[in-house]
C-alpha atoms as a PDB file:
ATOM      1  CA  MET A   1       4.188  10.659 -24.207  1.00  0.00           C
ATOM      2  CA  GLU A   2       5.319  13.199 -21.653  1.00  0.00           C
ATOM      3  CA  ARG A   3       2.895  14.593 -19.088  1.00  0.00           C
ATOM      4  CA  ARG A   4       1.903  18.149 -19.887  1.00  0.00           C
ATOM      5  CA  ILE A   5      -0.495  20.890 -18.818  1.00  0.00           C
ATOM      6  CA  ILE A   6      -2.628  22.353 -21.592  1.00  0.00           C
ATOM      7  CA  GLY A   7      -4.761  25.461 -21.932  1.00  0.00           C
ATOM      8  CA  ALA A   8      -8.024  26.223 -20.129  1.00  0.00           C
ATOM      9  CA  ASN A   9      -6.875  28.888 -17.680  1.00  0.00           C
ATOM     10  CA  GLU A  10      -9.884  30.599 -16.195  1.00  0.00           C
ATOM     11  CA  VAL A  11      -7.959  33.521 -14.732  1.00  0.00           C
ATOM     12  CA  PRO A  12      -5.023  35.531 -16.077  1.00  0.00           C
ATOM     13  CA  ALA A  13      -1.770  33.712 -15.634  1.00  0.00           C
ATOM     14  CA  ASP A  14      -0.222  36.679 -13.834  1.00  0.00           C
ATOM     15  CA  SER A  15      -3.082  37.177 -11.369  1.00  0.00           C
ATOM     16  CA  GLY A  16      -1.551  34.956  -8.693  1.00  0.00           C
ATOM     17  CA  LEU A  17      -4.887  33.145  -8.315  1.00  0.00           C
ATOM     18  CA  PRO A  18      -5.347  29.383  -8.762  1.00  0.00           C
ATOM     19  CA  ARG A  19      -6.295  28.334 -12.287  1.00  0.00           C
ATOM     20  CA  VAL A  20      -8.134  25.417 -13.841  1.00  0.00           C
ATOM     21  CA  ARG A  21      -5.655  22.782 -14.958  1.00  0.00           C
ATOM     22  CA  GLN A  22      -5.963  20.293 -17.790  1.00  0.00           C
ATOM     23  CA  LEU A  23      -3.678  17.321 -17.201  1.00  0.00           C
ATOM     24  CA  VAL A  24      -2.901  14.541 -19.666  1.00  0.00           C
ATOM     25  CA  VAL A  25      -2.073  11.082 -18.310  1.00  0.00           C
ATOM     26  CA  ASP A  26       1.204   9.667 -19.588  1.00  0.00           C
ATOM     27  CA  GLU A  27       2.289   6.030 -19.823  1.00  0.00           C
ATOM     28  CA  SER A  28       3.970   5.998 -16.421  1.00  0.00           C
ATOM     29  CA  SER A  29       0.605   6.730 -14.769  1.00  0.00           C
ATOM     30  CA  ASP A  30      -1.484   4.308 -16.825  1.00  0.00           C
ATOM     31  CA  GLY A  31      -3.720   2.266 -14.519  1.00  0.00           C
ATOM     32  CA  GLN A  32      -3.146   4.463 -11.474  1.00  0.00           C
ATOM     33  CA  ARG A  33      -6.021   5.460  -9.192  1.00  0.00           C
ATOM     34  CA  LEU A  34      -7.324   8.978  -9.783  1.00  0.00           C
ATOM     35  CA  ASP A  35      -6.712  10.087  -6.190  1.00  0.00           C
ATOM     36  CA  ASN A  36      -3.108   8.870  -6.235  1.00  0.00           C
ATOM     37  CA  PHE A  37      -2.507  10.457  -9.642  1.00  0.00           C
ATOM     38  CA  LEU A  38      -3.774  13.844  -8.418  1.00  0.00           C
ATOM     39  CA  MET A  39      -1.807  13.730  -5.191  1.00  0.00           C
ATOM     40  CA  ARG A  40       1.348  13.129  -7.202  1.00  0.00           C
ATOM     41  CA  GLU A  41       0.532  15.943  -9.632  1.00  0.00           C
ATOM     42  CA  LEU A  42      -0.747  18.474  -7.097  1.00  0.00           C
ATOM     43  CA  LYS A  43       2.207  18.666  -4.768  1.00  0.00           C
ATOM     44  CA  GLY A  44       1.380  20.965  -1.875  1.00  0.00           C
ATOM     45  CA  VAL A  45      -2.407  20.510  -2.093  1.00  0.00           C
ATOM     46  CA  PRO A  46      -3.805  19.010   1.155  1.00  0.00           C
ATOM     47  CA  LYS A  47      -4.953  15.418   0.767  1.00  0.00           C
ATOM     48  CA  ALA A  48      -8.374  16.265   2.235  1.00  0.00           C
ATOM     49  CA  LEU A  49      -8.876  18.936  -0.460  1.00  0.00           C
ATOM     50  CA  VAL A  50      -8.029  16.463  -3.231  1.00  0.00           C
ATOM     51  CA  TYR A  51     -10.742  14.091  -1.999  1.00  0.00           C
ATOM     52  CA  ARG A  52     -13.207  16.951  -1.547  1.00  0.00           C
ATOM     53  CA  VAL A  53     -12.943  18.192  -5.143  1.00  0.00           C
ATOM     54  CA  ILE A  54     -13.248  14.612  -6.424  1.00  0.00           C
ATOM     55  CA  ARG A  55     -16.384  13.966  -4.369  1.00  0.00           C
ATOM     56  CA  SER A  56     -17.911  17.273  -5.461  1.00  0.00           C
ATOM     57  CA  GLY A  57     -17.575  16.310  -9.132  1.00  0.00           C
ATOM     58  CA  GLU A  58     -15.285  19.242  -9.930  1.00  0.00           C
ATOM     59  CA  VAL A  59     -12.605  16.847 -11.182  1.00  0.00           C
ATOM     60  CA  ARG A  60     -13.533  15.533 -14.632  1.00  0.00           C
ATOM     61  CA  VAL A  61     -11.949  12.661 -16.532  1.00  0.00           C
ATOM     62  CA  ASN A  62     -12.565  13.039 -20.261  1.00  0.00           C
ATOM     63  CA  ARG A  63     -15.349  15.510 -19.343  1.00  0.00           C
ATOM     64  CA  GLY A  64     -17.146  13.033 -17.073  1.00  0.00           C
ATOM     65  CA  ARG A  65     -17.387  12.718 -13.310  1.00  0.00           C
ATOM     66  CA  ALA A  66     -15.124  10.152 -11.688  1.00  0.00           C
ATOM     67  CA  ALA A  67     -14.604   8.537  -8.297  1.00  0.00           C
ATOM     68  CA  ALA A  68     -11.404   8.494  -6.262  1.00  0.00           C
ATOM     69  CA  ASP A  69     -10.737   4.860  -7.209  1.00  0.00           C
ATOM     70  CA  THR A  70     -11.229   5.404 -10.950  1.00  0.00           C
ATOM     71  CA  ARG A  71      -8.270   4.007 -12.892  1.00  0.00           C
ATOM     72  CA  VAL A  72      -6.797   6.518 -15.321  1.00  0.00           C
ATOM     73  CA  ALA A  73      -5.394   5.509 -18.705  1.00  0.00           C
ATOM     74  CA  THR A  74      -2.722   6.876 -21.001  1.00  0.00           C
ATOM     75  CA  GLY A  75      -4.097   9.874 -22.899  1.00  0.00           C
ATOM     76  CA  ASP A  76      -6.949  10.619 -20.467  1.00  0.00           C
ATOM     77  CA  GLN A  77      -7.602  14.332 -20.069  1.00  0.00           C
ATOM     78  CA  ILE A  78      -8.264  15.376 -16.501  1.00  0.00           C
ATOM     79  CA  ARG A  79      -9.764  18.725 -15.564  1.00  0.00           C
ATOM     80  CA  VAL A  80      -8.733  19.958 -12.126  1.00  0.00           C
ATOM     81  CA  PRO A  81     -10.573  22.933 -10.592  1.00  0.00           C
ATOM     82  CA  PRO A  82      -8.644  25.905  -9.190  1.00  0.00           C
ATOM     83  CA  VAL A  83      -6.826  24.763  -6.059  1.00  0.00           C
ATOM     84  CA  ARG A  84      -4.149  26.645  -4.223  1.00  0.00           C
ATOM     85  CA  VAL A  85      -0.822  24.864  -4.000  1.00  0.00           C
ATOM     86  CA  ALA A  86       1.233  25.627  -0.932  1.00  0.00           C
ATOM     87  CA  GLU A  87       4.723  26.769  -1.790  1.00  0.00           C
ATOM     88  CA  ARG A  88       7.224  24.439  -0.204  1.00  0.00           C
ATOM     89  CA  THR A  89      10.684  23.140  -0.796  1.00  0.00           C
ATOM     90  CA  ALA A  90      10.714  19.727  -2.385  1.00  0.00           C
ATOM     91  CA  PRO A  91      12.064  17.128   0.065  1.00  0.00           C
ATOM     92  CA  VAL A  92      15.550  15.875  -0.509  1.00  0.00           C
ATOM     93  CA  VAL A  93      15.219  12.168  -1.239  1.00  0.00           C
ATOM     94  CA  PRO A  94      18.278  10.169  -0.172  1.00  0.00           C
ATOM     95  CA  GLY A  95      19.156   7.308  -2.459  1.00  0.00           C
ATOM     96  CA  ARG A  96      18.908   3.973  -0.697  1.00  0.00           C
ATOM     97  CA  GLU A  97      19.248   0.336  -1.620  1.00  0.00           C
ATOM     98  CA  PHE A  98      17.467  -2.481   0.231  1.00  0.00           C
ATOM     99  CA  PRO A  99      18.372  -6.165   0.640  1.00  0.00           C
ATOM    100  CA  VAL A 100      17.721  -7.780  -2.752  1.00  0.00           C
ATOM    101  CA  LEU A 101      15.923 -11.130  -2.888  1.00  0.00           C
ATOM    102  CA  LEU A 102      15.762 -11.320  -6.693  1.00  0.00           C
ATOM    103  CA  GLU A 103      16.713  -9.053  -9.564  1.00  0.00           C
ATOM    104  CA  ASP A 104      16.780  -9.483 -13.322  1.00  0.00           C
ATOM    105  CA  ASP A 105      15.793  -7.414 -16.356  1.00  0.00           C
ATOM    106  CA  HIS A 106      12.095  -7.655 -15.482  1.00  0.00           C
ATOM    107  CA  VAL A 107      11.609  -7.722 -11.723  1.00  0.00           C
ATOM    108  CA  LEU A 108      13.196  -6.538  -8.497  1.00  0.00           C
ATOM    109  CA  ALA A 109      12.243  -8.063  -5.150  1.00  0.00           C
ATOM    110  CA  ILE A 110      13.522  -6.617  -1.897  1.00  0.00           C
ATOM    111  CA  ASP A 111      13.242  -7.324   1.820  1.00  0.00           C
ATOM    112  CA  LYS A 112      11.534  -4.164   3.069  1.00  0.00           C
ATOM    113  CA  PRO A 113      12.288  -3.181   6.675  1.00  0.00           C
ATOM    114  CA  ALA A 114       9.521  -2.110   9.033  1.00  0.00           C
ATOM    115  CA  GLY A 115       9.075   1.627   9.501  1.00  0.00           C
ATOM    116  CA  VAL A 116       9.641   2.504   5.841  1.00  0.00           C
ATOM    117  CA  ALA A 117       6.660   3.475   3.677  1.00  0.00           C
ATOM    118  CA  VAL A 118       6.573   2.003   0.180  1.00  0.00           C
ATOM    119  CA  HIS A 119       5.884   5.446  -1.325  1.00  0.00           C
ATOM    120  CA  GLY A 120       5.477   9.068  -0.280  1.00  0.00           C
ATOM    121  CA  GLY A 121       2.116  10.544   0.733  1.00  0.00           C
ATOM    122  CA  SER A 122      -0.088  10.839   3.832  1.00  0.00           C
ATOM    123  CA  GLY A 123       2.502  12.913   5.653  1.00  0.00           C
ATOM    124  CA  VAL A 124       5.425  10.826   4.370  1.00  0.00           C
ATOM    125  CA  SER A 125       7.832  12.751   2.147  1.00  0.00           C
ATOM    126  CA  PHE A 126       9.259   9.696   0.406  1.00  0.00           C
ATOM    127  CA  GLY A 127       9.345   5.926   0.584  1.00  0.00           C
ATOM    128  CA  VAL A 128      10.982   2.852  -0.886  1.00  0.00           C
ATOM    129  CA  ILE A 129      10.145   3.634  -4.507  1.00  0.00           C
ATOM    130  CA  GLU A 130      11.453   7.209  -4.389  1.00  0.00           C
ATOM    131  CA  GLN A 131      14.646   6.122  -2.637  1.00  0.00           C
ATOM    132  CA  LEU A 132      15.291   3.330  -5.122  1.00  0.00           C
ATOM    133  CA  ARG A 133      14.725   5.646  -8.074  1.00  0.00           C
ATOM    134  CA  GLN A 134      17.140   8.134  -6.546  1.00  0.00           C
ATOM    135  CA  SER A 135      19.802   5.464  -6.078  1.00  0.00           C
ATOM    136  CA  ARG A 136      19.248   4.145  -9.620  1.00  0.00           C
ATOM    137  CA  PRO A 137      19.128   7.208 -11.888  1.00  0.00           C
ATOM    138  CA  GLU A 138      19.841   5.015 -14.906  1.00  0.00           C
ATOM    139  CA  ALA A 139      16.656   2.977 -14.393  1.00  0.00           C
ATOM    140  CA  ARG A 140      14.229   3.709 -17.242  1.00  0.00           C
ATOM    141  CA  PHE A 141      11.266   2.133 -15.460  1.00  0.00           C
ATOM    142  CA  LEU A 142      10.684   1.143 -11.837  1.00  0.00           C
ATOM    143  CA  GLU A 143       7.231   0.739 -10.301  1.00  0.00           C
ATOM    144  CA  LEU A 144       5.683  -0.940  -7.274  1.00  0.00           C
ATOM    145  CA  VAL A 145       3.720  -4.084  -8.128  1.00  0.00           C
ATOM    146  CA  HIS A 146       1.877  -4.168  -4.796  1.00  0.00           C
ATOM    147  CA  ARG A 147       1.950  -2.481  -1.388  1.00  0.00           C
ATOM    148  CA  LEU A 148       2.986  -3.285   2.150  1.00  0.00           C
ATOM    149  CA  ASP A 149       1.963  -1.175   5.123  1.00  0.00           C
ATOM    150  CA  LYS A 150       4.688   1.051   6.527  1.00  0.00           C
ATOM    151  CA  GLU A 151       5.120  -1.072   9.652  1.00  0.00           C
ATOM    152  CA  THR A 152       5.022  -4.397   7.772  1.00  0.00           C
ATOM    153  CA  SER A 153       8.373  -5.922   6.824  1.00  0.00           C
ATOM    154  CA  GLY A 154       9.224  -8.522   4.211  1.00  0.00           C
ATOM    155  CA  VAL A 155       8.967  -9.369   0.523  1.00  0.00           C
ATOM    156  CA  LEU A 156       8.134  -6.410  -1.717  1.00  0.00           C
ATOM    157  CA  LEU A 157       7.957  -6.803  -5.491  1.00  0.00           C
ATOM    158  CA  LEU A 158       8.728  -4.130  -8.087  1.00  0.00           C
ATOM    159  CA  ALA A 159       8.646  -4.168 -11.881  1.00  0.00           C
ATOM    160  CA  LYS A 160      11.441  -2.936 -14.133  1.00  0.00           C
ATOM    161  CA  ARG A 161       9.347  -3.036 -17.321  1.00  0.00           C
ATOM    162  CA  ARG A 162       5.801  -1.968 -18.140  1.00  0.00           C
ATOM    163  CA  SER A 163       4.990  -5.450 -19.479  1.00  0.00           C
ATOM    164  CA  ALA A 164       6.203  -7.035 -16.230  1.00  0.00           C
ATOM    165  CA  LEU A 165       4.105  -4.632 -14.158  1.00  0.00           C
ATOM    166  CA  THR A 166       0.947  -5.463 -16.092  1.00  0.00           C
ATOM    167  CA  SER A 167       1.565  -9.224 -15.902  1.00  0.00           C
ATOM    168  CA  LEU A 168       2.284  -9.232 -12.181  1.00  0.00           C
ATOM    169  CA  GLN A 169      -0.623  -6.966 -11.283  1.00  0.00           C
ATOM    170  CA  ASP A 170      -2.916  -9.270 -13.240  1.00  0.00           C
ATOM    171  CA  GLN A 171      -1.632 -12.185 -11.149  1.00  0.00           C
ATOM    172  CA  PHE A 172      -2.303 -10.329  -7.906  1.00  0.00           C
ATOM    173  CA  ARG A 173      -5.798  -9.394  -9.067  1.00  0.00           C
ATOM    174  CA  ASP A 174      -6.622 -12.912 -10.307  1.00  0.00           C
ATOM    175  CA  ARG A 175      -5.230 -14.590  -7.165  1.00  0.00           C
ATOM    176  CA  GLY A 176      -2.376 -16.165  -9.078  1.00  0.00           C
ATOM    177  CA  THR A 177       0.109 -15.331  -6.331  1.00  0.00           C
ATOM    178  CA  ASP A 178       0.668 -17.113  -3.020  1.00  0.00           C
ATOM    179  CA  LYS A 179       1.392 -14.808  -0.074  1.00  0.00           C
ATOM    180  CA  HIS A 180       2.322 -15.941   3.446  1.00  0.00           C
ATOM    181  CA  TYR A 181       2.731 -13.668   6.466  1.00  0.00           C
ATOM    182  CA  LEU A 182       3.885 -14.165  10.037  1.00  0.00           C
ATOM    183  CA  ALA A 183       1.767 -12.389  12.652  1.00  0.00           C
ATOM    184  CA  LEU A 184       2.094 -12.398  16.428  1.00  0.00           C
ATOM    185  CA  VAL A 185      -1.294 -11.869  18.052  1.00  0.00           C
ATOM    186  CA  GLN A 186      -2.714 -11.513  21.516  1.00  0.00           C
ATOM    187  CA  GLY A 187      -4.289 -14.512  23.259  1.00  0.00           C
ATOM    188  CA  THR A 188      -4.771 -18.183  22.437  1.00  0.00           C
ATOM    189  CA  TRP A 189      -5.859 -18.700  18.869  1.00  0.00           C
ATOM    190  CA  PRO A 190      -8.767 -21.198  18.585  1.00  0.00           C
ATOM    191  CA  ALA A 191      -7.611 -24.310  16.729  1.00  0.00           C
ATOM    192  CA  SER A 192     -10.931 -24.524  14.897  1.00  0.00           C
ATOM    193  CA  LEU A 193     -10.604 -21.048  13.350  1.00  0.00           C
ATOM    194  CA  LYS A 194      -8.705 -21.716  10.142  1.00  0.00           C
ATOM    195  CA  VAL A 195     -10.625 -19.631   7.627  1.00  0.00           C
ATOM    196  CA  ILE A 196     -11.809 -16.051   8.083  1.00  0.00           C
ATOM    197  CA  ASP A 197     -14.322 -15.170   5.387  1.00  0.00           C
ATOM    198  CA  GLN A 198     -15.563 -11.724   6.389  1.00  0.00           C
ATOM    199  CA  PRO A 199     -16.456  -8.872   3.990  1.00  0.00           C
ATOM    200  CA  LEU A 200     -14.518  -5.653   4.443  1.00  0.00           C
ATOM    201  CA  LEU A 201     -15.401  -2.038   3.817  1.00  0.00           C
ATOM    202  CA  LYS A 202     -12.778   0.647   3.301  1.00  0.00           C
ATOM    203  CA  THR A 203     -13.705   4.226   4.160  1.00  0.00           C
ATOM    204  CA  LEU A 204     -11.857   7.526   3.963  1.00  0.00           C
ATOM    205  CA  GLY A 205     -12.068  10.179   6.637  1.00  0.00           C
ATOM    206  CA  ALA A 206     -12.217  13.899   5.943  1.00  0.00           C
ATOM    207  CA  ASP A 207      -8.428  13.941   6.063  1.00  0.00           C
ATOM    208  CA  GLY A 208      -8.166  11.107   3.551  1.00  0.00           C
ATOM    209  CA  GLU A 209      -7.046   8.604   6.203  1.00  0.00           C
ATOM    210  CA  ARG A 210      -8.052   5.019   5.376  1.00  0.00           C
ATOM    211  CA  HIS A 211      -9.988   2.885   7.840  1.00  0.00           C
ATOM    212  CA  VAL A 212     -11.247  -0.646   7.234  1.00  0.00           C
ATOM    213  CA  ARG A 213     -13.894  -2.605   9.114  1.00  0.00           C
ATOM    214  CA  VAL A 214     -15.822  -5.864   8.848  1.00  0.00           C
ATOM    215  CA  VAL A 215     -19.376  -5.380   7.535  1.00  0.00           C
ATOM    216  CA  SER A 216     -22.398  -7.486   6.657  1.00  0.00           C
ATOM    217  CA  PRO A 217     -22.289  -9.341   3.315  1.00  0.00           C
ATOM    218  CA  ALA A 218     -25.483  -7.452   2.494  1.00  0.00           C
ATOM    219  CA  HIS A 219     -23.668  -4.112   2.518  1.00  0.00           C
ATOM    220  CA  GLU A 220     -23.680  -2.767  -1.026  1.00  0.00           C
ATOM    221  CA  ALA A 221     -20.001  -1.780  -0.899  1.00  0.00           C
ATOM    222  CA  ALA A 222     -18.759  -4.896   0.959  1.00  0.00           C
ATOM    223  CA  ARG A 223     -15.848  -6.756  -0.627  1.00  0.00           C
ATOM    224  CA  ARG A 224     -15.453 -10.439   0.118  1.00  0.00           C
ATOM    225  CA  SER A 225     -12.178 -11.058   1.929  1.00  0.00           C
ATOM    226  CA  ILE A 226     -10.652 -14.438   2.769  1.00  0.00           C
ATOM    227  CA  THR A 227      -7.766 -15.090   5.146  1.00  0.00           C
ATOM    228  CA  LEU A 228      -6.370 -18.529   6.021  1.00  0.00           C
ATOM    229  CA  VAL A 229      -4.789 -18.968   9.455  1.00  0.00           C
ATOM    230  CA  ARG A 230      -2.557 -21.672  10.894  1.00  0.00           C
ATOM    231  CA  VAL A 231      -1.008 -21.613  14.368  1.00  0.00           C
ATOM    232  CA  GLN A 232       2.752 -21.923  14.081  1.00  0.00           C
ATOM    233  CA  ARG A 233       3.562 -21.523  17.798  1.00  0.00           C
ATOM    234  CA  GLN A 234       1.411 -20.905  20.859  1.00  0.00           C
ATOM    235  CA  PHE A 235       2.881 -18.990  23.785  1.00  0.00           C
ATOM    236  CA  ALA A 236       1.396 -18.033  27.127  1.00  0.00           C
ATOM    237  CA  GLY A 237      -0.747 -15.087  26.122  1.00  0.00           C
ATOM    238  CA  HIS A 238       0.340 -14.875  22.482  1.00  0.00           C
ATOM    239  CA  ALA A 239       0.178 -16.905  19.284  1.00  0.00           C
ATOM    240  CA  LEU A 240       2.453 -16.841  16.250  1.00  0.00           C
ATOM    241  CA  LEU A 241       0.330 -17.333  13.142  1.00  0.00           C
ATOM    242  CA  ASP A 242       1.097 -18.312   9.569  1.00  0.00           C
ATOM    243  CA  VAL A 243      -1.382 -16.253   7.565  1.00  0.00           C
ATOM    244  CA  THR A 244      -2.218 -16.775   3.897  1.00  0.00           C
ATOM    245  CA  LEU A 245      -4.092 -14.176   1.862  1.00  0.00           C
ATOM    246  CA  LYS A 246      -6.598 -15.436  -0.682  1.00  0.00           C
ATOM    247  CA  THR A 247      -7.724 -11.870  -1.379  1.00  0.00           C
ATOM    248  CA  GLY A 248      -5.628  -8.729  -1.099  1.00  0.00           C
ATOM    249  CA  ARG A 249      -7.728  -6.051   0.595  1.00  0.00           C
ATOM    250  CA  THR A 250      -6.326  -3.011   2.364  1.00  0.00           C
ATOM    251  CA  HIS A 251      -5.383  -3.883   5.985  1.00  0.00           C
ATOM    252  CA  GLN A 252      -7.070  -7.276   5.513  1.00  0.00           C
ATOM    253  CA  ILE A 253      -4.924  -9.320   7.920  1.00  0.00           C
ATOM    254  CA  ARG A 254      -4.918  -6.625  10.582  1.00  0.00           C
ATOM    255  CA  VAL A 255      -8.696  -6.158  10.515  1.00  0.00           C
ATOM    256  CA  HIS A 256      -9.591  -9.852  10.258  1.00  0.00           C
ATOM    257  CA  LEU A 257      -7.380 -10.847  13.191  1.00  0.00           C
ATOM    258  CA  ALA A 258      -8.537  -7.936  15.354  1.00  0.00           C
ATOM    259  CA  HIS A 259     -12.182  -8.702  14.534  1.00  0.00           C
ATOM    260  CA  ALA A 260     -11.581 -12.297  15.661  1.00  0.00           C
ATOM    261  CA  GLY A 261     -10.493 -10.913  19.038  1.00  0.00           C
ATOM    262  CA  HIS A 262      -6.755 -11.418  18.503  1.00  0.00           C
ATOM    263  CA  PRO A 263      -5.154  -8.118  17.406  1.00  0.00           C
ATOM    264  CA  ILE A 264      -1.610  -8.074  16.064  1.00  0.00           C
ATOM    265  CA  VAL A 265       1.018  -7.083  18.604  1.00  0.00           C
ATOM    266  CA  GLY A 266       2.139  -3.507  17.974  1.00  0.00           C
ATOM    267  CA  ASP A 267      -0.655  -2.609  15.527  1.00  0.00           C
ATOM    268  CA  PRO A 268      -1.088   1.176  15.985  1.00  0.00           C
ATOM    269  CA  LYS A 269      -4.512   1.368  14.327  1.00  0.00           C
ATOM    270  CA  TYR A 270      -6.453  -1.818  15.027  1.00  0.00           C
ATOM    271  CA  GLY A 271      -4.483  -3.218  17.957  1.00  0.00           C
ATOM    272  CA  ASP A 272      -4.811  -3.330  21.731  1.00  0.00           C
ATOM    273  CA  PHE A 273      -3.081  -0.096  22.706  1.00  0.00           C
ATOM    274  CA  ALA A 274      -2.551  -1.059  26.358  1.00  0.00           C
ATOM    275  CA  LEU A 275      -0.977  -4.347  25.256  1.00  0.00           C
ATOM    276  CA  ASN A 276       1.220  -2.527  22.754  1.00  0.00           C
ATOM    277  CA  ARG A 277       2.530  -0.230  25.504  1.00  0.00           C
ATOM    278  CA  GLU A 278       3.181  -3.197  27.799  1.00  0.00           C
ATOM    279  CA  VAL A 279       5.083  -5.132  25.122  1.00  0.00           C
ATOM    280  CA  ALA A 280       7.093  -2.037  24.222  1.00  0.00           C
ATOM    281  CA  ARG A 281       7.967  -1.424  27.882  1.00  0.00           C
ATOM    282  CA  THR A 282       8.677  -5.031  28.858  1.00  0.00           C
ATOM    283  CA  HIS A 283      10.329  -6.332  25.703  1.00  0.00           C
ATOM    284  CA  ARG A 284      11.478  -3.083  24.048  1.00  0.00           C
ATOM    285  CA  PHE A 285       9.526  -4.036  20.943  1.00  0.00           C
ATOM    286  CA  ASP A 286       8.130  -0.954  19.201  1.00  0.00           C
ATOM    287  CA  ARG A 287       6.873  -2.103  15.803  1.00  0.00           C
ATOM    288  CA  MET A 288       3.934  -4.105  14.449  1.00  0.00           C
ATOM    289  CA  PHE A 289       4.645  -7.840  14.330  1.00  0.00           C
ATOM    290  CA  LEU A 290       3.501  -8.507  10.776  1.00  0.00           C
ATOM    291  CA  HIS A 291       6.055  -9.862   8.309  1.00  0.00           C
ATOM    292  CA  ALA A 292       5.568 -10.772   4.640  1.00  0.00           C
ATOM    293  CA  ALA A 293       7.532 -14.002   4.866  1.00  0.00           C
ATOM    294  CA  SER A 294       7.083 -15.395   1.343  1.00  0.00           C
ATOM    295  CA  LEU A 295       5.629 -14.628  -2.064  1.00  0.00           C
ATOM    296  CA  ALA A 296       5.173 -16.964  -5.029  1.00  0.00           C
ATOM    297  CA  PHE A 297       4.349 -15.806  -8.561  1.00  0.00           C
ATOM    298  CA  ASP A 298       4.857 -16.715 -12.214  1.00  0.00           C
ATOM    299  CA  HIS A 299       7.790 -14.878 -13.755  1.00  0.00           C
ATOM    300  CA  PRO A 300       6.405 -12.364 -16.274  1.00  0.00           C
ATOM    301  CA  ALA A 301       9.010 -13.232 -18.922  1.00  0.00           C
ATOM    302  CA  ASP A 302       9.076 -17.026 -19.030  1.00  0.00           C
ATOM    303  CA  GLY A 303       6.297 -18.217 -16.702  1.00  0.00           C
ATOM    304  CA  ARG A 304       8.595 -19.983 -14.217  1.00  0.00           C
ATOM    305  CA  ARG A 305       7.072 -20.283 -10.748  1.00  0.00           C
ATOM    306  CA  ILE A 306       9.189 -18.168  -8.417  1.00  0.00           C
ATOM    307  CA  THR A 307       9.023 -18.425  -4.624  1.00  0.00           C
ATOM    308  CA  LEU A 308      10.790 -15.760  -2.570  1.00  0.00           C
ATOM    309  CA  SER A 309      11.329 -15.772   1.187  1.00  0.00           C
ATOM    310  CA  ALA A 310      12.416 -13.125   3.671  1.00  0.00           C
ATOM    311  CA  SER A 311      13.767 -14.198   7.062  1.00  0.00           C
ATOM    312  CA  CYS A 312      11.993 -13.019  10.188  1.00  0.00           C
ATOM    313  CA  PRO A 313      13.684  -9.759  11.313  1.00  0.00           C
ATOM    314  CA  PRO A 314      16.035  -9.903  14.337  1.00  0.00           C
ATOM    315  CA  GLU A 315      13.777  -7.779  16.540  1.00  0.00           C
ATOM    316  CA  CYS A 316      10.908 -10.199  15.924  1.00  0.00           C
ATOM    317  CA  THR A 317      12.934 -13.346  16.599  1.00  0.00           C
ATOM    318  CA  HIS A 318      14.292 -11.709  19.757  1.00  0.00           C
ATOM    319  CA  LEU A 319      10.744 -11.074  20.982  1.00  0.00           C
ATOM    320  CA  LEU A 320       9.779 -14.681  20.254  1.00  0.00           C
ATOM    321  CA  ASP A 321      12.830 -15.895  22.191  1.00  0.00           C
ATOM    322  CA  GLN A 322      11.753 -13.792  25.162  1.00  0.00           C
ATOM    323  CA  LEU A 323       8.207 -15.134  25.015  1.00  0.00           C
END
């Protein structure tokens, strides 16, 4: 089913004024969050405005109110109130390939470099997925299975079939995957701190910017979050950690480590900004030291357990050598 806009204009089409839109969700958007679906459909509408009309109840899914994190389904009818779309030239997306860790008819795994967003949005014109689609015009289906922060490098998994996407996302949700990260943090990590079991709360600012913090388990919106930590190397003033995610919350590693008093080196949101400047000046290191080193999952076609690894980037190994 192709996406289409149907009827329900509240003002004359030639008036130049914004009109009510009725959008129909197609298969490629099945399971997507409502906010992400609208931001893709309403190009040119400020992100803050998208969240405002959702919160106000003006956006209706099948005639009912819906939250920003509501998952839309194929065939859902979404009413969007009149919003003015800024006229702008669509960004030119350069095709780009990334180092391939695994590729077959069902999955594609790449080694994502730091500094590249996985998708466009939040002031980013395009990301990994748009660049891959541009470089592979023959691809009938290509979707992100999970996300990595822009400044995080390492293993990123994509699906080349709808069935593979559903299977892999189920594994991520049901904790059927095994994810290991390398993180360089400030200070001496306490040997006794091996499990961080702290609930997290994600909030959105007026501009739609995400921020995550540790909250009490009694908080009604708290989500249990578990991170396992093992010291791989201890330096004078820094520690290299092997971090395993048992849950996959937004910014989980970054927030958990910072809350423990050991922020990740180079973290621009939750880190020690003075330390970040010192490391950048002294060691010429200007990224966040968080690397998705390995990912294990069951292959969606035959169930084989697959383990993928991405080597630590040169700039990170160089910093470790200096330390």
